[in-house]
Amino acid sequence: MEKLISLGKITKNQGNKGEVRVAPYTDDLRRFEFLAEVILVSPDQSEKISKTVQDIWLHKNFVILKLKGIDDIDEALEYRNYEVKIAEEEL
């Protein structure tokens, strides 16, 4: 079983094209810059979804992610409070 490392938590949508706002668990936001894929884990940890990162940018103290397959506000809001994780070997 692969060990997952938490990078942050989705707090809300950002914009209207499916972007999500992530509250990072680190002060070094550059850690997000080279992500190609993330794993979204539901608050009760019953669901793990792998998503490809299409775009990433920083806004104030948040990380904004555009993930493949999330294309509008309603879809983005479905992932509110999900944790953003990566496999430990990707650190």
Protein backbone atom coordinates (compact mmCIF):
# COMPACT_ATOMS: atom_id res chain seq x y z
CA MET A 1 0.00 0.00 0.00
CA GLU A 2 1.49 3.34 -1.04
CA LYS A 3 2.00 6.02 1.57
CA LEU A 4 0.37 9.35 0.74
CA ILE A 5 1.69 12.76 1.80
CA SER A 6 -0.80 15.59 2.40
CA LEU A 7 -0.05 18.86 0.63
CA GLY A 8 -3.18 20.82 1.50
CA LYS A 9 -6.96 20.95 1.63
CA ILE A 10 -9.44 22.20 -0.97
CA THR A 11 -11.39 25.04 0.61
CA LYS A 12 -13.60 26.22 -2.26
CA ASN A 13 -13.77 26.85 -5.97
CA GLN A 14 -11.74 29.60 -7.65
CA GLY A 15 -13.36 31.21 -10.65
CA ASN A 16 -16.01 29.53 -12.76
CA LYS A 17 -14.07 27.03 -14.90
CA GLY A 18 -13.56 24.32 -12.29
CA GLU A 19 -10.44 25.57 -10.57
CA VAL A 20 -10.08 24.73 -6.86
CA ARG A 21 -8.45 26.76 -4.10
CA VAL A 22 -6.07 24.80 -1.88
CA ALA A 23 -4.98 25.88 1.59
CA PRO A 24 -1.42 24.51 1.67
CA TYR A 25 0.08 22.71 4.65
CA THR A 26 3.52 24.16 3.85
CA ASP A 27 5.01 27.64 3.74
CA ASP A 28 7.04 26.73 0.65
CA LEU A 29 4.43 26.96 -2.11
CA ARG A 30 7.07 26.11 -4.74
CA ARG A 31 6.50 22.46 -3.79
CA PHE A 32 3.33 22.58 -5.88
CA GLU A 33 4.97 23.89 -9.06
CA PHE A 34 6.02 20.56 -10.57
CA LEU A 35 2.96 18.46 -9.79
CA ALA A 36 1.67 16.42 -12.71
CA GLU A 37 -0.86 14.38 -10.76
CA VAL A 38 -2.51 14.55 -7.34
CA ILE A 39 -4.73 12.26 -5.32
CA LEU A 40 -7.88 13.76 -3.82
CA VAL A 41 -9.00 12.07 -0.60
CA SER A 42 -12.48 12.60 0.81
CA PRO A 43 -12.88 13.91 4.38
CA ASP A 44 -13.92 10.45 5.63
CA GLN A 45 -11.10 8.87 3.58
CA SER A 46 -13.55 6.54 1.84
CA GLU A 47 -12.78 7.91 -1.62
CA LYS A 48 -9.43 8.43 -3.37
CA ILE A 49 -9.42 9.98 -6.84
CA SER A 50 -6.36 10.51 -9.01
CA LYS A 51 -6.45 13.73 -11.06
CA THR A 52 -4.08 15.16 -13.65
CA VAL A 53 -2.94 18.73 -12.99
CA GLN A 54 -3.62 20.94 -16.03
CA ASP A 55 -2.51 24.24 -14.52
CA ILE A 56 -1.32 25.68 -11.24
CA TRP A 57 -0.77 29.18 -9.94
CA LEU A 58 -0.43 30.99 -6.65
CA HIS A 59 -2.98 33.50 -5.40
CA LYS A 60 -2.21 35.26 -2.13
CA ASN A 61 -1.41 32.41 0.30
CA PHE A 62 -3.34 29.80 -1.66
CA VAL A 63 -2.53 27.39 -4.47
CA ILE A 64 -5.01 27.30 -7.34
CA LEU A 65 -5.26 24.02 -9.21
CA LYS A 66 -6.99 23.33 -12.51
CA LEU A 67 -7.54 19.59 -12.58
CA LYS A 68 -8.51 17.56 -15.63
CA GLY A 69 -12.17 16.56 -15.55
CA ILE A 70 -13.31 19.35 -13.22
CA ASP A 71 -14.73 21.96 -15.56
CA ASP A 72 -17.29 24.06 -13.70
CA ILE A 73 -18.14 25.51 -10.30
CA ASP A 74 -20.51 22.70 -9.30
CA GLU A 75 -17.91 20.01 -10.02
CA ALA A 76 -15.25 21.99 -8.13
CA LEU A 77 -17.50 22.37 -5.09
CA GLU A 78 -17.99 18.58 -4.93
CA TYR A 79 -14.35 18.37 -3.81
CA ARG A 80 -14.59 20.93 -1.01
CA ASN A 81 -12.74 19.69 2.11
CA TYR A 82 -10.93 16.95 0.16
CA GLU A 83 -7.24 16.66 0.94
CA VAL A 84 -4.71 17.02 -1.85
CA LYS A 85 -2.07 14.31 -1.57
CA ILE A 86 0.79 12.78 -3.52
CA ALA A 87 2.59 9.46 -3.25
CA GLU A 88 5.56 9.62 -0.90
CA GLU A 89 8.02 8.70 -3.68
CA GLU A 90 7.04 11.90 -5.53
CA LEU A 91 8.41 14.17 -2.82
